[in-house]
């Protein structure tokens, strides 16, 4: 049981470290999905196998599945893409893309 506690504490520390590195909303969703999936997978693995190996396999599979599911939904309302525009005076600037970008009319 000591190995499981050590692995669980390591997984929590790793998740906290990764969450601090998340910069975009999509990365934040992936990190949150991985954390929730890993926790759920660990519980399911422990319930099915009743040993440390099953718990760790469940945690890994759950984290992978959680990250994939969390990011598979496409852009969310807060995920604005940045586009480059040219002003009438020739200056190039970067701003959030307008609706023509999302409708494919560029």
C-alpha atoms as a PDB file:
ATOM      1  CA  UNK A   1       0.000   0.000   0.000  1.00  0.00           C
ATOM      2  CA  UNK A   2       2.964   2.338   0.516  1.00  0.00           C
ATOM      3  CA  UNK A   3       3.775   2.139  -3.189  1.00  0.00           C
ATOM      4  CA  UNK A   4       0.234   3.231  -4.063  1.00  0.00           C
ATOM      5  CA  UNK A   5       0.390   6.214  -1.709  1.00  0.00           C
ATOM      6  CA  UNK A   6       3.751   7.248  -3.113  1.00  0.00           C
ATOM      7  CA  UNK A   7       2.468   6.949  -6.686  1.00  0.00           C
ATOM      8  CA  UNK A   8      -0.690   8.879  -5.826  1.00  0.00           C
ATOM      9  CA  UNK A   9       1.286  11.708  -4.230  1.00  0.00           C
ATOM     10  CA  UNK A  10       3.580  11.805  -7.248  1.00  0.00           C
ATOM     11  CA  UNK A  11       0.627  11.963  -9.622  1.00  0.00           C
ATOM     12  CA  UNK A  12      -0.918  14.832  -7.657  1.00  0.00           C
ATOM     13  CA  UNK A  13       2.387  16.737  -7.627  1.00  0.00           C
ATOM     14  CA  UNK A  14       2.823  16.184 -11.368  1.00  0.00           C
ATOM     15  CA  UNK A  15      -0.720  17.358 -12.085  1.00  0.00           C
ATOM     16  CA  UNK A  16      -0.221  20.518 -10.041  1.00  0.00           C
ATOM     17  CA  UNK A  17       3.048  21.181 -11.860  1.00  0.00           C
ATOM     18  CA  UNK A  18       1.433  20.692 -15.258  1.00  0.00           C
ATOM     19  CA  UNK A  19      -1.552  22.849 -14.344  1.00  0.00           C
ATOM     20  CA  UNK A  20       0.831  25.699 -13.597  1.00  0.00           C
ATOM     21  CA  UNK A  21       2.248  25.420 -17.109  1.00  0.00           C
ATOM     22  CA  UNK A  22      -1.135  25.587 -18.837  1.00  0.00           C
ATOM     23  CA  UNK A  23      -1.423  28.861 -20.694  1.00  0.00           C
ATOM     24  CA  UNK A  24      -4.309  28.592 -23.124  1.00  0.00           C
ATOM     25  CA  UNK A  25      -7.869  27.560 -22.315  1.00  0.00           C
ATOM     26  CA  UNK A  26      -7.389  24.383 -24.372  1.00  0.00           C
ATOM     27  CA  UNK A  27      -4.303  23.431 -22.368  1.00  0.00           C
ATOM     28  CA  UNK A  28      -6.191  24.111 -19.152  1.00  0.00           C
ATOM     29  CA  UNK A  29      -9.041  21.857 -20.289  1.00  0.00           C
ATOM     30  CA  UNK A  30      -6.560  19.114 -21.223  1.00  0.00           C
ATOM     31  CA  UNK A  31      -4.856  19.319 -17.836  1.00  0.00           C
ATOM     32  CA  UNK A  32      -8.159  19.267 -15.968  1.00  0.00           C
ATOM     33  CA  UNK A  33      -9.415  16.367 -18.087  1.00  0.00           C
ATOM     34  CA  UNK A  34      -6.215  14.426 -17.473  1.00  0.00           C
ATOM     35  CA  UNK A  35      -6.423  15.005 -13.719  1.00  0.00           C
ATOM     36  CA  UNK A  36     -10.060  13.968 -13.456  1.00  0.00           C
ATOM     37  CA  UNK A  37      -9.577  11.035 -15.816  1.00  0.00           C
ATOM     38  CA  UNK A  38      -6.512   9.860 -13.921  1.00  0.00           C
ATOM     39  CA  UNK A  39      -8.326   9.956 -10.597  1.00  0.00           C
ATOM     40  CA  UNK A  40     -11.334   8.128 -11.998  1.00  0.00           C
ATOM     41  CA  UNK A  41      -9.147   5.596 -13.779  1.00  0.00           C
ATOM     42  CA  UNK A  42      -7.210   4.906 -10.590  1.00  0.00           C
ATOM     43  CA  UNK A  43     -10.436   4.235  -8.703  1.00  0.00           C
ATOM     44  CA  UNK A  44     -11.736   1.920 -11.420  1.00  0.00           C
ATOM     45  CA  UNK A  45      -8.380   0.128 -11.692  1.00  0.00           C
ATOM     46  CA  UNK A  46      -8.258  -0.426  -7.941  1.00  0.00           C
ATOM     47  CA  UNK A  47     -11.847  -1.679  -7.878  1.00  0.00           C
ATOM     48  CA  UNK A  48     -11.230  -4.132 -10.727  1.00  0.00           C
ATOM     49  CA  UNK A  49      -7.728  -5.424 -10.008  1.00  0.00           C
ATOM     50  CA  UNK A  50      -7.309  -4.720  -6.293  1.00  0.00           C
ATOM     51  CA  UNK A  51      -3.548  -4.246  -6.679  1.00  0.00           C
ATOM     52  CA  UNK A  52      -1.101  -1.426  -7.348  1.00  0.00           C
ATOM     53  CA  UNK A  53      -0.398  -2.440 -10.938  1.00  0.00           C
ATOM     54  CA  UNK A  54      -4.079  -2.279 -11.889  1.00  0.00           C
ATOM     55  CA  UNK A  55      -4.451   1.066 -10.142  1.00  0.00           C
ATOM     56  CA  UNK A  56      -1.520   2.600 -12.010  1.00  0.00           C
ATOM     57  CA  UNK A  57      -2.681   1.215 -15.367  1.00  0.00           C
ATOM     58  CA  UNK A  58      -6.171   2.587 -14.704  1.00  0.00           C
ATOM     59  CA  UNK A  59      -4.761   5.987 -13.732  1.00  0.00           C
ATOM     60  CA  UNK A  60      -2.649   6.195 -16.885  1.00  0.00           C
ATOM     61  CA  UNK A  61      -5.452   5.125 -19.184  1.00  0.00           C
ATOM     62  CA  UNK A  62      -7.908   7.453 -17.448  1.00  0.00           C
ATOM     63  CA  UNK A  63      -5.539  10.423 -17.713  1.00  0.00           C
ATOM     64  CA  UNK A  64      -4.997   9.839 -21.412  1.00  0.00           C
ATOM     65  CA  UNK A  65      -8.696   9.398 -22.112  1.00  0.00           C
ATOM     66  CA  UNK A  66      -9.620  12.402 -19.959  1.00  0.00           C
ATOM     67  CA  UNK A  67      -7.205  14.699 -21.812  1.00  0.00           C
ATOM     68  CA  UNK A  68      -8.433  13.518 -25.212  1.00  0.00           C
ATOM     69  CA  UNK A  69     -12.107  13.893 -24.334  1.00  0.00           C
ATOM     70  CA  UNK A  70     -11.588  17.329 -22.768  1.00  0.00           C
ATOM     71  CA  UNK A  71      -9.899  18.725 -25.873  1.00  0.00           C
ATOM     72  CA  UNK A  72     -11.983  16.980 -28.530  1.00  0.00           C
ATOM     73  CA  UNK A  73     -14.864  19.434 -28.429  1.00  0.00           C
ATOM     74  CA  UNK A  74     -13.193  22.012 -30.663  1.00  0.00           C
ATOM     75  CA  UNK A  75     -12.897  25.701 -29.871  1.00  0.00           C
ATOM     76  CA  UNK A  76     -14.812  26.909 -26.837  1.00  0.00           C
ATOM     77  CA  UNK A  77     -16.237  30.402 -26.330  1.00  0.00           C
ATOM     78  CA  UNK A  78     -13.051  31.700 -24.670  1.00  0.00           C
ATOM     79  CA  UNK A  79     -10.690  30.336 -27.332  1.00  0.00           C
ATOM     80  CA  UNK A  80     -10.255  33.292 -29.667  1.00  0.00           C
ATOM     81  CA  UNK A  81      -7.669  32.805 -32.403  1.00  0.00           C
ATOM     82  CA  UNK A  82      -5.287  35.616 -33.194  1.00  0.00           C
ATOM     83  CA  UNK A  83      -5.049  36.877 -36.800  1.00  0.00           C
ATOM     84  CA  UNK A  84      -2.683  39.251 -38.568  1.00  0.00           C
ATOM     85  CA  UNK A  85      -4.244  42.270 -40.226  1.00  0.00           C
ATOM     86  CA  UNK A  86      -2.845  45.007 -42.443  1.00  0.00           C
ATOM     87  CA  UNK A  87      -4.010  48.537 -41.659  1.00  0.00           C
ATOM     88  CA  UNK A  88      -4.706  50.999 -44.508  1.00  0.00           C
ATOM     89  CA  UNK A  89      -1.357  52.674 -43.823  1.00  0.00           C
ATOM     90  CA  UNK A  90       0.469  49.349 -44.386  1.00  0.00           C
ATOM     91  CA  UNK A  91       1.166  48.624 -40.722  1.00  0.00           C
ATOM     92  CA  UNK A  92       0.641  44.967 -39.710  1.00  0.00           C
ATOM     93  CA  UNK A  93      -1.004  44.250 -36.382  1.00  0.00           C
ATOM     94  CA  UNK A  94      -2.361  41.226 -34.506  1.00  0.00           C
ATOM     95  CA  UNK A  95      -5.876  41.073 -33.069  1.00  0.00           C
ATOM     96  CA  UNK A  96      -8.601  38.534 -32.390  1.00  0.00           C
ATOM     97  CA  UNK A  97     -10.002  37.023 -35.581  1.00  0.00           C
ATOM     98  CA  UNK A  98     -13.401  38.229 -36.699  1.00  0.00           C
ATOM     99  CA  UNK A  99     -16.350  36.071 -37.745  1.00  0.00           C
ATOM    100  CA  UNK A 100     -15.174  35.745 -41.378  1.00  0.00           C
ATOM    101  CA  UNK A 101     -12.248  33.620 -40.121  1.00  0.00           C
ATOM    102  CA  UNK A 102     -14.538  31.143 -38.358  1.00  0.00           C
ATOM    103  CA  UNK A 103     -16.935  30.890 -41.307  1.00  0.00           C
ATOM    104  CA  UNK A 104     -14.042  30.153 -43.690  1.00  0.00           C
ATOM    105  CA  UNK A 105     -14.599  33.296 -45.757  1.00  0.00           C
ATOM    106  CA  UNK A 106     -10.976  34.387 -45.928  1.00  0.00           C
END
